[in-house]
Amino acid sequence: EVELSSDGSAVNTGPKGVINDWRRYKQLETEQRQEQRREMERLIKKLSMTCRSHLDEEADKQKQKELQEKINGKVTW
């Protein structure tokens, strides 16, 4: 006589059942660890701050100024 568990699988208390239970436990453990890692990566991306230094801003301003000068030089006849 075979007893069924709540998920419909057979309950076997022998060595095969123990091995299957252990495999299922390890599979669930791995899946949970992967999901936690993905969630942690999402949080890190969400919470990470991007900042620019004063030197970065000055370099961008200089590039913008040079570009504007080139445009003005080409447009002016």
Protein backbone atom coordinates (compact mmCIF):
# COMPACT_ATOMS: atom_id res chain seq x y z
CA GLU A 1 0.00 0.00 0.00
CA VAL A 2 1.37 3.40 -1.04
CA GLU A 3 0.61 6.53 0.93
CA LEU A 4 0.28 9.84 -0.97
CA SER A 5 1.53 13.18 0.30
CA SER A 6 -0.29 16.51 -0.11
CA ASP A 7 1.51 17.24 -3.40
CA GLY A 8 0.43 13.92 -4.89
CA SER A 9 3.79 12.20 -4.70
CA ALA A 10 4.24 8.87 -2.99
CA VAL A 11 5.59 8.87 0.53
CA ASN A 12 8.41 6.36 0.90
CA THR A 13 10.21 6.15 4.19
CA GLY A 14 12.84 3.77 2.87
CA PRO A 15 16.28 4.70 1.51
CA LYS A 16 14.89 5.75 -1.87
CA GLY A 17 12.39 8.05 -0.22
CA VAL A 18 15.05 9.60 1.96
CA ILE A 19 17.32 10.13 -1.04
CA ASN A 20 14.48 11.68 -3.06
CA ASP A 21 13.56 13.93 -0.16
CA TRP A 22 17.17 15.05 0.18
CA ARG A 23 17.41 15.76 -3.57
CA ARG A 24 14.21 17.78 -3.48
CA TYR A 25 15.43 19.68 -0.41
CA LYS A 26 18.73 20.53 -2.15
CA GLN A 27 16.89 21.60 -5.29
CA LEU A 28 14.61 23.92 -3.32
CA GLU A 29 17.58 25.24 -1.36
CA THR A 30 19.44 26.07 -4.60
CA GLU A 31 16.39 27.75 -6.12
CA GLN A 32 15.90 29.83 -2.99
CA ARG A 33 19.57 30.88 -2.95
CA GLN A 34 19.39 31.93 -6.61
CA GLU A 35 16.22 33.94 -6.00
CA GLN A 36 17.84 35.66 -3.00
CA ARG A 37 20.88 36.50 -5.13
CA ARG A 38 18.67 37.99 -7.87
CA GLU A 39 16.73 40.00 -5.31
CA MET A 40 19.95 41.27 -3.74
CA GLU A 41 21.25 42.35 -7.16
CA ARG A 42 17.97 44.19 -7.85
CA LEU A 43 18.23 45.97 -4.51
CA ILE A 44 21.85 46.90 -5.08
CA LYS A 45 21.02 48.39 -8.47
CA LYS A 46 18.01 50.20 -7.05
CA LEU A 47 19.83 51.63 -4.07
CA SER A 48 23.18 52.38 -5.65
CA MET A 49 23.84 56.02 -6.14
CA THR A 50 25.49 57.45 -9.17
CA CYS A 51 27.50 60.54 -8.60
CA ARG A 52 29.71 62.73 -10.69
CA SER A 53 32.74 64.55 -9.48
CA HIS A 54 33.37 68.23 -9.98
CA LEU A 55 36.08 67.36 -12.50
CA ASP A 56 33.61 65.28 -14.54
CA GLU A 57 31.18 68.18 -14.64
CA GLU A 58 33.92 70.62 -15.65
CA ALA A 59 35.09 68.28 -18.44
CA ASP A 60 31.53 68.01 -19.74
CA LYS A 61 31.12 71.77 -19.67
CA GLN A 62 34.37 72.17 -21.62
CA LYS A 63 33.29 69.62 -24.23
CA GLN A 64 29.91 71.32 -24.55
CA LYS A 65 31.61 74.69 -24.98
CA GLU A 66 33.96 73.33 -27.68
CA LEU A 67 31.06 71.71 -29.49
CA GLN A 68 29.06 74.94 -29.38
CA GLU A 69 32.05 76.86 -30.75
CA LYS A 70 32.39 74.37 -33.63
CA ILE A 71 28.68 74.68 -34.40
CA ASN A 72 28.85 78.49 -34.30
CA GLY A 73 31.92 78.48 -36.53
CA LYS A 74 30.28 76.27 -39.15
CA VAL A 75 26.93 78.04 -39.10
CA THR A 76 28.37 81.54 -39.30
CA TRP A 77 29.09 82.51 -42.92
